[in-house]
Amino acid sequence: MEQRMLGKDEYLLREGETDDTLHIIVSGRLAVTKDAAGESITLHVMGAGSLAGEMGFVDGAAHSASIVAQEPTVVISLKREDFEKLVPEHPNLVYHFMRAIVRLGHATLKRMNLQYVEMSNYITQTHGRY
């Protein structure tokens, strides 16, 4: 694992880029942002104990959003290749890591579903005028 210190407004990862690194936030706050019509929109803010980059870590796909420090932030990063070396000798540790990643994905899905329902209710109640 590698420790990294990010300054305010420094990117941890950028939308469209690929890597296979999982990041654990030790301190500070990171914003998940998405570019829309030339404007950066904050989708979510993460703090200490949160995981970032988990989807790229699992499947190597391009990042669907950027992650930028809102304040000085410390992260610990783990590359997939180094993680895979743990599998033969520490399968229980690997199991718990992967459970944490699945729980995070589930929490994200629940949050997005709630936001979708709120948006749908708003549009329905205003008859499409917003």
C-alpha atoms as a PDB file:
ATOM      1  CA  MET A   1       0.000   0.000   0.000  1.00  0.00           C
ATOM      2  CA  GLU A   2       1.099   3.539  -0.700  1.00  0.00           C
ATOM      3  CA  GLN A   3       0.156   6.714   1.164  1.00  0.00           C
ATOM      4  CA  ARG A   4      -0.651   9.810  -0.849  1.00  0.00           C
ATOM      5  CA  MET A   5      -1.370  13.368   0.257  1.00  0.00           C
ATOM      6  CA  LEU A   6      -3.675  15.474  -1.897  1.00  0.00           C
ATOM      7  CA  GLY A   7      -3.909  19.241  -1.739  1.00  0.00           C
ATOM      8  CA  LYS A   8      -7.212  21.092  -2.014  1.00  0.00           C
ATOM      9  CA  ASP A   9      -8.606  20.801  -5.569  1.00  0.00           C
ATOM     10  CA  GLU A  10      -6.099  18.065  -6.511  1.00  0.00           C
ATOM     11  CA  TYR A  11      -7.563  15.165  -8.478  1.00  0.00           C
ATOM     12  CA  LEU A  12      -7.287  11.617  -7.194  1.00  0.00           C
ATOM     13  CA  LEU A  13      -8.724  10.298 -10.454  1.00  0.00           C
ATOM     14  CA  ARG A  14     -10.322  11.732 -13.555  1.00  0.00           C
ATOM     15  CA  GLU A  15     -13.423  10.767 -15.459  1.00  0.00           C
ATOM     16  CA  GLY A  16     -12.600   8.645 -18.527  1.00  0.00           C
ATOM     17  CA  GLU A  17      -9.181   7.507 -17.301  1.00  0.00           C
ATOM     18  CA  THR A  18      -8.482   3.931 -16.258  1.00  0.00           C
ATOM     19  CA  ASP A  19      -6.458   2.427 -13.447  1.00  0.00           C
ATOM     20  CA  ASP A  20      -6.715  -0.525 -11.107  1.00  0.00           C
ATOM     21  CA  THR A  21      -6.160   1.165  -7.760  1.00  0.00           C
ATOM     22  CA  LEU A  22      -8.381   1.139  -4.678  1.00  0.00           C
ATOM     23  CA  HIS A  23      -8.069   4.174  -2.413  1.00  0.00           C
ATOM     24  CA  ILE A  24      -8.985   4.346   1.281  1.00  0.00           C
ATOM     25  CA  ILE A  25      -9.537   7.833   2.660  1.00  0.00           C
ATOM     26  CA  VAL A  26      -7.558   8.290   5.875  1.00  0.00           C
ATOM     27  CA  SER A  27      -8.437  11.940   6.481  1.00  0.00           C
ATOM     28  CA  GLY A  28     -10.003  14.826   4.601  1.00  0.00           C
ATOM     29  CA  ARG A  29     -12.852  14.889   2.096  1.00  0.00           C
ATOM     30  CA  LEU A  30     -13.111  13.899  -1.557  1.00  0.00           C
ATOM     31  CA  ALA A  31     -15.868  15.003  -3.924  1.00  0.00           C
ATOM     32  CA  VAL A  32     -17.153  12.751  -6.683  1.00  0.00           C
ATOM     33  CA  THR A  33     -17.772  15.087  -9.614  1.00  0.00           C
ATOM     34  CA  LYS A  34     -19.193  14.778 -13.106  1.00  0.00           C
ATOM     35  CA  ASP A  35     -18.856  17.209 -15.984  1.00  0.00           C
ATOM     36  CA  ALA A  36     -22.181  18.260 -17.491  1.00  0.00           C
ATOM     37  CA  ALA A  37     -22.482  20.987 -20.118  1.00  0.00           C
ATOM     38  CA  GLY A  38     -19.102  22.427 -19.174  1.00  0.00           C
ATOM     39  CA  GLU A  39     -19.928  22.556 -15.482  1.00  0.00           C
ATOM     40  CA  SER A  40     -18.616  20.312 -12.710  1.00  0.00           C
ATOM     41  CA  ILE A  41     -21.425  18.844 -10.606  1.00  0.00           C
ATOM     42  CA  THR A  42     -20.725  17.264  -7.208  1.00  0.00           C
ATOM     43  CA  LEU A  43     -22.527  13.933  -6.947  1.00  0.00           C
ATOM     44  CA  HIS A  44     -21.278  12.834  -3.540  1.00  0.00           C
ATOM     45  CA  VAL A  45     -18.747  13.735  -0.852  1.00  0.00           C
ATOM     46  CA  MET A  46     -16.693  11.057   0.894  1.00  0.00           C
ATOM     47  CA  GLY A  47     -14.790  11.256   4.175  1.00  0.00           C
ATOM     48  CA  ALA A  48     -12.405   9.209   6.292  1.00  0.00           C
ATOM     49  CA  GLY A  49     -12.969   5.463   6.017  1.00  0.00           C
ATOM     50  CA  SER A  50     -14.589   5.653   2.579  1.00  0.00           C
ATOM     51  CA  LEU A  51     -13.318   3.741  -0.448  1.00  0.00           C
ATOM     52  CA  ALA A  52     -12.699   5.360  -3.830  1.00  0.00           C
ATOM     53  CA  GLY A  53     -11.906   3.887  -7.239  1.00  0.00           C
ATOM     54  CA  GLU A  54     -13.409   0.528  -6.334  1.00  0.00           C
ATOM     55  CA  MET A  55     -15.045  -0.125  -9.701  1.00  0.00           C
ATOM     56  CA  GLY A  56     -11.809   0.404 -11.632  1.00  0.00           C
ATOM     57  CA  PHE A  57     -10.070  -1.765  -9.047  1.00  0.00           C
ATOM     58  CA  VAL A  58     -12.542  -4.586  -9.646  1.00  0.00           C
ATOM     59  CA  ASP A  59     -13.104  -4.421 -13.407  1.00  0.00           C
ATOM     60  CA  GLY A  60     -10.528  -2.023 -14.886  1.00  0.00           C
ATOM     61  CA  ALA A  61     -13.219   0.041 -16.626  1.00  0.00           C
ATOM     62  CA  ALA A  62     -12.788   3.765 -17.231  1.00  0.00           C
ATOM     63  CA  HIS A  63     -13.876   5.990 -14.350  1.00  0.00           C
ATOM     64  CA  SER A  64     -17.406   7.339 -14.784  1.00  0.00           C
ATOM     65  CA  ALA A  65     -16.673  10.407 -12.638  1.00  0.00           C
ATOM     66  CA  SER A  66     -13.746  12.380 -11.263  1.00  0.00           C
ATOM     67  CA  ILE A  67     -12.676  12.489  -7.630  1.00  0.00           C
ATOM     68  CA  VAL A  68     -11.138  15.695  -6.303  1.00  0.00           C
ATOM     69  CA  ALA A  69      -9.971  16.764  -2.837  1.00  0.00           C
ATOM     70  CA  GLN A  70     -12.156  19.391  -1.171  1.00  0.00           C
ATOM     71  CA  GLU A  71      -9.466  19.985   1.439  1.00  0.00           C
ATOM     72  CA  PRO A  72      -6.045  18.510   2.211  1.00  0.00           C
ATOM     73  CA  THR A  73      -6.682  14.758   2.131  1.00  0.00           C
ATOM     74  CA  VAL A  74      -4.652  11.630   2.866  1.00  0.00           C
ATOM     75  CA  VAL A  75      -5.410   8.358   1.066  1.00  0.00           C
ATOM     76  CA  ILE A  76      -3.861   4.915   1.161  1.00  0.00           C
ATOM     77  CA  SER A  77      -3.803   3.239  -2.250  1.00  0.00           C
ATOM     78  CA  LEU A  78      -3.639  -0.435  -3.191  1.00  0.00           C
ATOM     79  CA  LYS A  79      -3.061  -1.693  -6.735  1.00  0.00           C
ATOM     80  CA  ARG A  80      -5.002  -4.773  -7.876  1.00  0.00           C
ATOM     81  CA  GLU A  81      -1.759  -6.604  -8.710  1.00  0.00           C
ATOM     82  CA  ASP A  82      -0.530  -6.231  -5.122  1.00  0.00           C
ATOM     83  CA  PHE A  83      -3.923  -7.215  -3.750  1.00  0.00           C
ATOM     84  CA  GLU A  84      -3.993 -10.385  -5.851  1.00  0.00           C
ATOM     85  CA  LYS A  85      -0.717 -11.497  -4.261  1.00  0.00           C
ATOM     86  CA  LEU A  86      -2.583 -11.721  -0.941  1.00  0.00           C
ATOM     87  CA  VAL A  87      -5.133 -14.250  -2.206  1.00  0.00           C
ATOM     88  CA  PRO A  88      -3.132 -17.489  -1.660  1.00  0.00           C
ATOM     89  CA  GLU A  89      -1.846 -16.644   1.821  1.00  0.00           C
ATOM     90  CA  HIS A  90      -4.643 -14.459   3.189  1.00  0.00           C
ATOM     91  CA  PRO A  91      -7.953 -15.544   1.645  1.00  0.00           C
ATOM     92  CA  ASN A  92      -9.954 -14.365   4.683  1.00  0.00           C
ATOM     93  CA  LEU A  93      -8.532 -10.851   4.360  1.00  0.00           C
ATOM     94  CA  VAL A  94      -9.333 -10.816   0.643  1.00  0.00           C
ATOM     95  CA  TYR A  95     -12.878 -11.984   1.403  1.00  0.00           C
ATOM     96  CA  HIS A  96     -13.429  -9.101   3.862  1.00  0.00           C
ATOM     97  CA  PHE A  97     -11.990  -6.561   1.413  1.00  0.00           C
ATOM     98  CA  MET A  98     -14.298  -7.741  -1.342  1.00  0.00           C
ATOM     99  CA  ARG A  99     -17.302  -7.697   1.032  1.00  0.00           C
ATOM    100  CA  ALA A 100     -16.482  -4.063   1.829  1.00  0.00           C
ATOM    101  CA  ILE A 101     -16.415  -3.240  -1.883  1.00  0.00           C
ATOM    102  CA  VAL A 102     -19.773  -4.949  -2.468  1.00  0.00           C
ATOM    103  CA  ARG A 103     -21.303  -3.131   0.532  1.00  0.00           C
ATOM    104  CA  LEU A 104     -20.072   0.161  -0.916  1.00  0.00           C
ATOM    105  CA  GLY A 105     -21.604  -0.649  -4.302  1.00  0.00           C
ATOM    106  CA  HIS A 106     -24.875  -1.549  -2.600  1.00  0.00           C
ATOM    107  CA  ALA A 107     -24.902   1.713  -0.601  1.00  0.00           C
ATOM    108  CA  THR A 108     -24.219   3.704  -3.779  1.00  0.00           C
ATOM    109  CA  LEU A 109     -27.052   1.943  -5.599  1.00  0.00           C
ATOM    110  CA  LYS A 110     -29.457   2.619  -2.717  1.00  0.00           C
ATOM    111  CA  ARG A 111     -28.466   6.316  -2.674  1.00  0.00           C
ATOM    112  CA  MET A 112     -28.931   6.591  -6.454  1.00  0.00           C
ATOM    113  CA  ASN A 113     -32.321   4.861  -6.290  1.00  0.00           C
ATOM    114  CA  LEU A 114     -33.473   7.314  -3.631  1.00  0.00           C
ATOM    115  CA  GLN A 115     -32.260  10.274  -5.689  1.00  0.00           C
ATOM    116  CA  TYR A 116     -34.035   8.891  -8.755  1.00  0.00           C
ATOM    117  CA  VAL A 117     -37.308   8.564  -6.842  1.00  0.00           C
ATOM    118  CA  GLU A 118     -36.962  12.108  -5.481  1.00  0.00           C
ATOM    119  CA  MET A 119     -36.263  13.481  -8.965  1.00  0.00           C
ATOM    120  CA  SER A 120     -39.119  11.493 -10.493  1.00  0.00           C
ATOM    121  CA  ASN A 121     -41.531  12.725  -7.811  1.00  0.00           C
ATOM    122  CA  TYR A 122     -40.411  16.310  -8.383  1.00  0.00           C
ATOM    123  CA  ILE A 123     -40.908  16.085 -12.148  1.00  0.00           C
ATOM    124  CA  THR A 124     -44.266  14.329 -11.766  1.00  0.00           C
ATOM    125  CA  GLN A 125     -45.548  16.846  -9.226  1.00  0.00           C
ATOM    126  CA  THR A 126     -44.499  19.796 -11.385  1.00  0.00           C
ATOM    127  CA  HIS A 127     -45.843  18.120 -14.553  1.00  0.00           C
ATOM    128  CA  GLY A 128     -42.442  18.239 -16.187  1.00  0.00           C
ATOM    129  CA  ARG A 129     -41.904  21.945 -15.492  1.00  0.00           C
ATOM    130  CA  TYR A 130     -38.776  22.606 -13.480  1.00  0.00           C
END
